[in-house]
C-alpha atoms as a PDB file:
ATOM      1  CA  MET A   1       9.616  35.383  -7.874  1.00  0.00           C
ATOM      2  CA  ASN A   2       6.595  37.623  -8.257  1.00  0.00           C
ATOM      3  CA  SER A   3       2.867  37.152  -7.667  1.00  0.00           C
ATOM      4  CA  ARG A   4       2.358  36.119 -11.311  1.00  0.00           C
ATOM      5  CA  ASP A   5       4.880  33.277 -10.887  1.00  0.00           C
ATOM      6  CA  VAL A   6       3.200  32.111  -7.693  1.00  0.00           C
ATOM      7  CA  ALA A   7      -0.211  32.191  -9.389  1.00  0.00           C
ATOM      8  CA  PHE A   8       0.964  30.130 -12.348  1.00  0.00           C
ATOM      9  CA  ALA A   9       2.741  27.618 -10.107  1.00  0.00           C
ATOM     10  CA  GLY A  10      -0.490  27.256  -8.121  1.00  0.00           C
ATOM     11  CA  LEU A  11      -2.491  26.912 -11.331  1.00  0.00           C
ATOM     12  CA  PHE A  12      -0.328  24.031 -12.534  1.00  0.00           C
ATOM     13  CA  ALA A  13      -0.474  22.360  -9.116  1.00  0.00           C
ATOM     14  CA  ALA A  14      -4.270  22.543  -9.406  1.00  0.00           C
ATOM     15  CA  LEU A  15      -4.196  21.247 -12.993  1.00  0.00           C
ATOM     16  CA  THR A  16      -2.139  18.280 -11.825  1.00  0.00           C
ATOM     17  CA  ALA A  17      -4.730  17.585  -9.117  1.00  0.00           C
ATOM     18  CA  VAL A  18      -7.480  17.653 -11.752  1.00  0.00           C
ATOM     19  CA  GLY A  19      -5.394  15.451 -14.064  1.00  0.00           C
ATOM     20  CA  ALA A  20      -5.048  12.911 -11.259  1.00  0.00           C
ATOM     21  CA  GLN A  21      -8.811  12.481 -11.138  1.00  0.00           C
ATOM     22  CA  ILE A  22      -9.015  11.707 -14.848  1.00  0.00           C
ATOM     23  CA  SER A  23      -8.023   8.130 -14.252  1.00  0.00           C
ATOM     24  CA  ILE A  24      -8.312   4.712 -15.834  1.00  0.00           C
ATOM     25  CA  PRO A  25      -7.628   1.950 -13.305  1.00  0.00           C
ATOM     26  CA  ILE A  26      -5.403  -0.697 -14.898  1.00  0.00           C
ATOM     27  CA  GLY A  27      -3.852  -2.211 -11.782  1.00  0.00           C
ATOM     28  CA  PRO A  28      -2.058  -0.789  -8.764  1.00  0.00           C
ATOM     29  CA  VAL A  29      -0.945   2.195 -10.863  1.00  0.00           C
ATOM     30  CA  PRO A  30      -3.763   4.003 -12.716  1.00  0.00           C
ATOM     31  CA  LEU A  31      -3.410   5.719 -16.075  1.00  0.00           C
ATOM     32  CA  THR A  32      -3.989   9.439 -15.401  1.00  0.00           C
ATOM     33  CA  LEU A  33      -3.355  12.826 -16.965  1.00  0.00           C
ATOM     34  CA  GLN A  34      -0.878  13.740 -14.220  1.00  0.00           C
ATOM     35  CA  VAL A  35       2.154  13.061 -16.399  1.00  0.00           C
ATOM     36  CA  PHE A  36       0.719  15.371 -19.063  1.00  0.00           C
ATOM     37  CA  THR A  37       0.314  18.240 -16.594  1.00  0.00           C
ATOM     38  CA  VAL A  38       3.721  17.585 -15.033  1.00  0.00           C
ATOM     39  CA  LEU A  39       5.298  17.886 -18.482  1.00  0.00           C
ATOM     40  CA  LEU A  40       3.302  21.006 -19.292  1.00  0.00           C
ATOM     41  CA  SER A  41       4.333  22.641 -16.033  1.00  0.00           C
ATOM     42  CA  GLY A  42       8.008  22.255 -16.855  1.00  0.00           C
ATOM     43  CA  LEU A  43       7.708  23.093 -20.544  1.00  0.00           C
ATOM     44  CA  ILE A  44       5.537  26.175 -20.071  1.00  0.00           C
ATOM     45  CA  LEU A  45       6.669  27.541 -16.711  1.00  0.00           C
ATOM     46  CA  GLY A  46      10.312  26.545 -17.005  1.00  0.00           C
ATOM     47  CA  SER A  47      12.477  24.431 -14.754  1.00  0.00           C
ATOM     48  CA  ARG A  48      12.239  26.491 -11.563  1.00  0.00           C
ATOM     49  CA  LEU A  49       8.507  27.217 -11.552  1.00  0.00           C
ATOM     50  CA  GLY A  50       7.668  23.796 -12.985  1.00  0.00           C
ATOM     51  CA  PHE A  51       9.515  22.233 -10.060  1.00  0.00           C
ATOM     52  CA  LEU A  52       7.729  24.550  -7.629  1.00  0.00           C
ATOM     53  CA  SER A  53       4.285  23.750  -9.039  1.00  0.00           C
ATOM     54  CA  GLN A  54       4.828  20.017  -8.627  1.00  0.00           C
ATOM     55  CA  ALA A  55       6.393  20.417  -5.189  1.00  0.00           C
ATOM     56  CA  VAL A  56       3.259  22.318  -4.150  1.00  0.00           C
ATOM     57  CA  TYR A  57       1.087  19.556  -5.620  1.00  0.00           C
ATOM     58  CA  LEU A  58       3.055  16.905  -3.751  1.00  0.00           C
ATOM     59  CA  PHE A  59       2.930  18.908  -0.506  1.00  0.00           C
ATOM     60  CA  MET A  60      -0.847  19.334  -0.804  1.00  0.00           C
ATOM     61  CA  GLY A  61      -1.259  15.592  -1.169  1.00  0.00           C
ATOM     62  CA  VAL A  62       1.157  14.684   1.615  1.00  0.00           C
ATOM     63  CA  VAL A  63      -0.647  16.913   4.129  1.00  0.00           C
ATOM     64  CA  GLY A  64      -3.899  15.139   3.348  1.00  0.00           C
ATOM     65  CA  ILE A  65      -5.624  17.219   0.702  1.00  0.00           C
ATOM     66  CA  PRO A  66      -7.173  14.623  -1.649  1.00  0.00           C
ATOM     67  CA  VAL A  67      -5.330  15.664  -4.819  1.00  0.00           C
ATOM     68  CA  PHE A  68      -3.868  12.278  -5.734  1.00  0.00           C
ATOM     69  CA  ALA A  69      -5.593   9.790  -8.060  1.00  0.00           C
ATOM     70  CA  ASN A  70      -8.925   8.425  -6.879  1.00  0.00           C
ATOM     71  CA  VAL A  71      -9.405  11.468  -4.609  1.00  0.00           C
ATOM     72  CA  GLN A  72      -6.730  10.346  -2.166  1.00  0.00           C
ATOM     73  CA  GLY A  73      -4.333  12.283  -0.012  1.00  0.00           C
ATOM     74  CA  GLY A  74      -1.966  11.694   2.847  1.00  0.00           C
ATOM     75  CA  LEU A  75       1.492  10.370   3.482  1.00  0.00           C
ATOM     76  CA  ALA A  76       0.251   6.775   3.116  1.00  0.00           C
ATOM     77  CA  VAL A  77      -0.146   7.327  -0.638  1.00  0.00           C
ATOM     78  CA  ILE A  78       3.559   8.176  -0.900  1.00  0.00           C
ATOM     79  CA  TYR A  79       4.365   4.873   0.786  1.00  0.00           C
ATOM     80  CA  GLY A  80       2.014   3.015  -1.556  1.00  0.00           C
ATOM     81  CA  PRO A  81       2.473   1.690  -5.092  1.00  0.00           C
ATOM     82  CA  THR A  82       2.249   5.117  -6.746  1.00  0.00           C
ATOM     83  CA  GLY A  83       4.536   6.947  -4.321  1.00  0.00           C
ATOM     84  CA  GLY A  84       7.674   6.743  -6.433  1.00  0.00           C
ATOM     85  CA  TYR A  85       5.911   8.241  -9.428  1.00  0.00           C
ATOM     86  CA  LEU A  86       4.490  11.080  -7.329  1.00  0.00           C
ATOM     87  CA  VAL A  87       7.827  11.908  -5.697  1.00  0.00           C
ATOM     88  CA  ALA A  88       9.393  12.106  -9.158  1.00  0.00           C
ATOM     89  CA  PHE A  89       6.997  14.795 -10.405  1.00  0.00           C
ATOM     90  CA  PRO A  90       8.949  17.874  -9.209  1.00  0.00           C
ATOM     91  CA  LEU A  91      12.205  16.534 -10.638  1.00  0.00           C
ATOM     92  CA  ALA A  92      10.492  15.552 -13.891  1.00  0.00           C
ATOM     93  CA  ALA A  93       8.979  19.023 -14.307  1.00  0.00           C
ATOM     94  CA  PHE A  94      12.378  20.554 -13.600  1.00  0.00           C
ATOM     95  CA  LEU A  95      14.106  18.368 -16.205  1.00  0.00           C
ATOM     96  CA  ALA A  96      11.480  18.943 -18.899  1.00  0.00           C
ATOM     97  CA  GLY A  97      11.773  22.667 -18.342  1.00  0.00           C
ATOM     98  CA  TYR A  98      15.553  22.634 -18.139  1.00  0.00           C
ATOM     99  CA  VAL A  99      15.976  20.896 -21.485  1.00  0.00           C
ATOM    100  CA  ALA A 100      13.341  23.096 -23.139  1.00  0.00           C
ATOM    101  CA  GLU A 101      15.024  26.253 -21.783  1.00  0.00           C
ATOM    102  CA  ARG A 102      18.310  25.313 -23.436  1.00  0.00           C
ATOM    103  CA  LYS A 103      16.799  25.280 -26.919  1.00  0.00           C
ATOM    104  CA  ASP A 104      13.367  26.629 -27.719  1.00  0.00           C
ATOM    105  CA  SER A 105      12.305  24.021 -30.240  1.00  0.00           C
ATOM    106  CA  LEU A 106       9.658  21.358 -30.483  1.00  0.00           C
ATOM    107  CA  ALA A 107      12.361  18.668 -30.626  1.00  0.00           C
ATOM    108  CA  ALA A 108      13.943  19.939 -27.387  1.00  0.00           C
ATOM    109  CA  MET A 109      10.539  19.965 -25.708  1.00  0.00           C
ATOM    110  CA  VAL A 110       9.861  16.382 -26.781  1.00  0.00           C
ATOM    111  CA  ALA A 111      13.349  15.336 -25.644  1.00  0.00           C
ATOM    112  CA  GLY A 112      12.879  17.044 -22.276  1.00  0.00           C
ATOM    113  CA  SER A 113       9.509  15.343 -21.906  1.00  0.00           C
ATOM    114  CA  VAL A 114      10.931  11.906 -22.665  1.00  0.00           C
ATOM    115  CA  ILE A 115      13.734  12.448 -20.142  1.00  0.00           C
ATOM    116  CA  ALA A 116      11.166  13.553 -17.559  1.00  0.00           C
ATOM    117  CA  ILE A 117       9.033  10.473 -18.205  1.00  0.00           C
ATOM    118  CA  ALA A 118      12.098   8.251 -17.832  1.00  0.00           C
ATOM    119  CA  VAL A 119      12.733   9.763 -14.388  1.00  0.00           C
ATOM    120  CA  ILE A 120       9.102   9.241 -13.377  1.00  0.00           C
ATOM    121  CA  TYR A 121       9.328   5.619 -14.516  1.00  0.00           C
ATOM    122  CA  ALA A 122      12.646   5.020 -12.762  1.00  0.00           C
ATOM    123  CA  LEU A 123      11.497   6.252  -9.356  1.00  0.00           C
ATOM    124  CA  GLY A 124       8.037   4.731  -9.737  1.00  0.00           C
ATOM    125  CA  TRP A 125       9.423   1.380 -10.830  1.00  0.00           C
ATOM    126  CA  LEU A 126      11.885   1.386  -7.938  1.00  0.00           C
ATOM    127  CA  ARG A 127       9.172   2.036  -5.332  1.00  0.00           C
ATOM    128  CA  LEU A 128       6.743  -0.440  -6.885  1.00  0.00           C
ATOM    129  CA  GLY A 129       9.454  -3.099  -7.125  1.00  0.00           C
ATOM    130  CA  LEU A 130      10.344  -2.672  -3.468  1.00  0.00           C
ATOM    131  CA  LEU A 131       6.681  -3.007  -2.515  1.00  0.00           C
ATOM    132  CA  MET A 132       6.465  -6.181  -4.583  1.00  0.00           C
ATOM    133  CA  GLY A 133       9.193  -7.852  -2.551  1.00  0.00           C
ATOM    134  CA  ASN A 134      12.005  -6.790  -4.903  1.00  0.00           C
ATOM    135  CA  ASP A 135      10.255  -8.300  -7.924  1.00  0.00           C
ATOM    136  CA  PHE A 136      11.401  -5.586 -10.315  1.00  0.00           C
ATOM    137  CA  LYS A 137      10.532  -7.611 -13.389  1.00  0.00           C
ATOM    138  CA  LYS A 138       6.895  -7.839 -12.337  1.00  0.00           C
ATOM    139  CA  ALA A 139       6.933  -4.170 -11.317  1.00  0.00           C
ATOM    140  CA  PHE A 140       8.184  -3.237 -14.798  1.00  0.00           C
ATOM    141  CA  PHE A 141       5.402  -5.185 -16.482  1.00  0.00           C
ATOM    142  CA  ILE A 142       2.766  -3.662 -14.190  1.00  0.00           C
ATOM    143  CA  GLY A 143       4.070  -0.148 -13.573  1.00  0.00           C
ATOM    144  CA  VAL A 144       6.042   0.873 -16.649  1.00  0.00           C
ATOM    145  CA  LEU A 145       5.390  -1.112 -19.814  1.00  0.00           C
ATOM    146  CA  PRO A 146       1.624  -0.511 -20.097  1.00  0.00           C
ATOM    147  CA  PHE A 147       2.137   3.249 -19.804  1.00  0.00           C
ATOM    148  CA  ILE A 148       4.822   3.804 -22.435  1.00  0.00           C
ATOM    149  CA  PRO A 149       2.574   4.325 -25.501  1.00  0.00           C
ATOM    150  CA  ALA A 150       0.180   6.695 -23.707  1.00  0.00           C
ATOM    151  CA  ASP A 151       2.983   8.650 -22.061  1.00  0.00           C
ATOM    152  CA  LEU A 152       4.871   9.081 -25.320  1.00  0.00           C
ATOM    153  CA  GLY A 153       1.650  10.442 -26.779  1.00  0.00           C
ATOM    154  CA  LYS A 154       1.344  12.795 -23.804  1.00  0.00           C
ATOM    155  CA  ALA A 155       4.922  13.960 -24.411  1.00  0.00           C
ATOM    156  CA  LEU A 156       4.159  14.836 -28.032  1.00  0.00           C
ATOM    157  CA  VAL A 157       0.924  16.630 -27.195  1.00  0.00           C
ATOM    158  CA  ALA A 158       2.469  18.476 -24.234  1.00  0.00           C
ATOM    159  CA  ALA A 159       5.349  19.680 -26.414  1.00  0.00           C
ATOM    160  CA  ALA A 160       2.946  20.849 -29.133  1.00  0.00           C
ATOM    161  CA  VAL A 161       0.707  22.635 -26.619  1.00  0.00           C
ATOM    162  CA  ALA A 162       3.685  24.258 -24.866  1.00  0.00           C
ATOM    163  CA  LYS A 163       5.182  25.404 -28.166  1.00  0.00           C
ATOM    164  CA  THR A 164       1.855  26.950 -29.162  1.00  0.00           C
ATOM    165  CA  VAL A 165       1.361  28.655 -25.793  1.00  0.00           C
ATOM    166  CA  LYS A 166       4.869  30.112 -25.960  1.00  0.00           C
ATOM    167  CA  LYS A 167       4.357  31.219 -29.554  1.00  0.00           C
ATOM    168  CA  TRP A 168       1.182  33.067 -28.594  1.00  0.00           C
ATOM    169  CA  GLY A 169       2.910  34.570 -25.575  1.00  0.00           C
ATOM    170  CA  VAL A 170       0.063  33.525 -23.303  1.00  0.00           C
ATOM    171  CA  LEU A 171       2.347  32.675 -20.361  1.00  0.00           C
END
């Protein structure tokens, strides 16, 4: 890993923090641009650096830097209703990047993004369901279902942006 890699990982951690603040409150889990930046980090930086960028983002939030949605930080956020989604971000970035690295095509990038979103949903739904007294049906209707259309749109846009960035050789 060189200084360029570290800089880009830091840049995507910062972009995720900015994306968290672009938020529409729709219940205990807000609609943000975090998923978009998580996908971009994996698709553009690759599995290893995408994972690192999101691990840095998560670490910043856990130690109290207010990088999470609604300008929040601290370990309490991880134990709250959005904690499962946040913890999934490094793995999601890794998976999006891993799939995209195997085949450099728009279809592979979309597929990697959809897999990454599924992981975010799975861990987020699990945490939210546990917080709701094991009411996983309610957690699905509050923490997964409303986000599917927007997140699929984010997956398509992230794949298109990543493909363009790679084509131009910007990163």
